[in-house]
Amino acid sequence: MANDSDDFFRSILTGMAIRNEALLNAVVGFAAYHYTLKSPNGRIKEFLQYYNRSVSLLLAHLKRKEKHTVATLLTILQLATIEVSRELQEKRLDSNHANRSTSATGSISWATKGQLLSY
């Protein structure tokens, strides 16, 4: 990344994710979410399996009242980032849908309510 001068995403985050399953699933889920949006063959189900696993592991950790670590915080932040990204995508899609005009050669793809649709 151009702005990642401390190499956080490539070394620190991934190093912590390898040692923490909830964080690993959140990071992979974030990547899978973006792949789902960009790929014509992307499936929301693939993203959701990682997202749901991360949430389940995080909730179990919180219920056990274990000591919160940096990995716990990063998991929460990564899951929140996914939610913000999803909300922004939905707003973008709602705006595109309201203002949509199609042409003979145009195609529009968007995700809505957990499904990837292509037109």
Protein backbone atom coordinates (compact mmCIF):
# COMPACT_ATOMS: atom_id res chain seq x y z
CA MET A 1 0.00 0.00 0.00
CA ALA A 2 1.24 3.45 -0.85
CA ASN A 3 0.35 4.97 2.54
CA ASP A 4 1.34 2.02 4.75
CA SER A 5 4.76 3.30 5.81
CA ASP A 6 4.88 1.02 8.88
CA ASP A 7 3.97 -2.03 6.76
CA PHE A 8 1.00 -2.58 9.08
CA PHE A 9 -1.25 -4.40 6.65
CA ARG A 10 1.33 -6.69 5.14
CA SER A 11 3.26 -7.69 8.24
CA ILE A 12 1.66 -6.61 11.52
CA LEU A 13 -2.01 -7.28 10.75
CA THR A 14 -1.37 -10.52 8.90
CA GLY A 15 1.05 -11.68 11.59
CA MET A 16 -1.56 -11.10 14.28
CA ALA A 17 -4.29 -12.69 12.16
CA ILE A 18 -2.29 -15.89 11.82
CA ARG A 19 -2.30 -16.18 15.61
CA ASN A 20 -5.96 -15.18 16.14
CA GLU A 21 -8.72 -17.05 14.32
CA ALA A 22 -11.40 -14.37 14.78
CA LEU A 23 -9.12 -11.72 13.30
CA LEU A 24 -8.03 -14.04 10.49
CA ASN A 25 -11.64 -14.65 9.49
CA ALA A 26 -12.41 -10.92 9.66
CA VAL A 27 -9.46 -10.06 7.40
CA VAL A 28 -10.23 -12.85 4.92
CA GLY A 29 -13.91 -11.88 5.06
CA PHE A 30 -13.04 -8.29 4.16
CA ALA A 31 -11.02 -9.47 1.18
CA ALA A 32 -13.79 -11.90 0.16
CA TYR A 33 -16.37 -9.12 0.39
CA HIS A 34 -14.40 -6.94 -2.02
CA TYR A 35 -13.75 -9.89 -4.32
CA THR A 36 -17.50 -10.59 -4.35
CA LEU A 37 -18.23 -7.04 -5.45
CA LYS A 38 -15.53 -6.93 -8.12
CA SER A 39 -15.84 -10.41 -9.59
CA PRO A 40 -18.66 -11.37 -11.94
CA ASN A 41 -18.46 -14.84 -10.37
CA GLY A 42 -18.34 -13.53 -6.79
CA ARG A 43 -20.75 -15.09 -4.33
CA ILE A 44 -21.90 -13.37 -1.17
CA LYS A 45 -22.13 -16.79 0.52
CA GLU A 46 -18.34 -17.11 0.44
CA PHE A 47 -17.89 -13.74 2.14
CA LEU A 48 -20.55 -14.53 4.75
CA GLN A 49 -18.91 -17.76 5.89
CA TYR A 50 -15.79 -15.84 6.99
CA TYR A 51 -17.74 -12.91 8.40
CA ASN A 52 -20.08 -15.14 10.43
CA ARG A 53 -17.20 -17.25 11.72
CA SER A 54 -15.35 -14.14 12.89
CA VAL A 55 -18.43 -12.75 14.64
CA SER A 56 -19.10 -16.11 16.35
CA LEU A 57 -15.52 -16.41 17.58
CA LEU A 58 -15.50 -12.81 18.79
CA LEU A 59 -18.78 -13.26 20.68
CA ALA A 60 -17.51 -16.45 22.31
CA HIS A 61 -14.36 -14.61 23.38
CA LEU A 62 -16.36 -11.73 24.85
CA LYS A 63 -18.75 -14.08 26.68
CA ARG A 64 -15.82 -15.87 28.35
CA LYS A 65 -14.73 -12.46 29.66
CA GLU A 66 -11.18 -13.15 28.64
CA LYS A 67 -8.64 -10.37 28.63
CA HIS A 68 -9.08 -8.14 25.59
CA THR A 69 -6.01 -7.95 23.42
CA VAL A 70 -4.92 -5.85 20.47
CA ALA A 71 -6.14 -8.72 18.26
CA THR A 72 -9.60 -8.40 19.85
CA LEU A 73 -9.66 -4.70 19.08
CA LEU A 74 -8.42 -5.26 15.52
CA THR A 75 -11.12 -7.90 14.98
CA ILE A 76 -13.79 -5.45 16.11
CA LEU A 77 -12.37 -2.71 13.88
CA GLN A 78 -12.10 -5.02 10.87
CA LEU A 79 -15.71 -6.18 11.29
CA ALA A 80 -16.82 -2.56 11.67
CA THR A 81 -14.94 -1.69 8.48
CA ILE A 82 -16.87 -4.41 6.66
CA GLU A 83 -20.15 -2.98 7.93
CA VAL A 84 -19.25 0.56 6.90
CA SER A 85 -18.17 -0.70 3.47
CA ARG A 86 -21.46 -2.56 3.07
CA GLU A 87 -23.48 0.51 4.06
CA LEU A 88 -21.56 2.71 1.63
CA GLN A 89 -22.06 0.14 -1.13
CA GLU A 90 -25.81 -0.02 -0.43
CA LYS A 91 -26.08 3.78 -0.53
CA ARG A 92 -24.13 3.85 -3.78
CA LEU A 93 -26.42 1.19 -5.23
CA ASP A 94 -29.56 2.95 -4.07
CA SER A 95 -28.30 6.14 -5.70
CA ASN A 96 -27.37 4.31 -8.90
CA HIS A 97 -30.73 2.56 -8.95
CA ALA A 98 -32.66 5.81 -8.51
CA ASN A 99 -30.66 7.58 -11.21
CA ARG A 100 -30.05 4.56 -13.43
CA SER A 101 -30.30 4.82 -17.14
CA THR A 102 -29.36 1.92 -19.34
CA SER A 103 -27.93 1.90 -22.79
CA ALA A 104 -27.85 -0.83 -25.41
CA THR A 105 -24.27 -1.69 -24.44
CA GLY A 106 -24.35 -0.81 -20.73
CA SER A 107 -24.38 -3.25 -17.87
CA ILE A 108 -24.91 -2.61 -14.18
CA SER A 109 -23.93 -4.88 -11.30
CA TRP A 110 -24.65 -4.37 -7.65
CA ALA A 111 -25.13 -6.16 -4.36
CA THR A 112 -28.37 -5.77 -2.47
CA LYS A 113 -29.83 -7.51 0.57
CA GLY A 114 -27.09 -10.13 0.58
CA GLN A 115 -27.30 -11.10 -3.08
CA LEU A 116 -25.13 -10.16 -6.02
CA LEU A 117 -27.26 -9.07 -8.93
CA SER A 118 -26.16 -8.34 -12.49
CA TYR A 119 -28.16 -6.52 -15.14
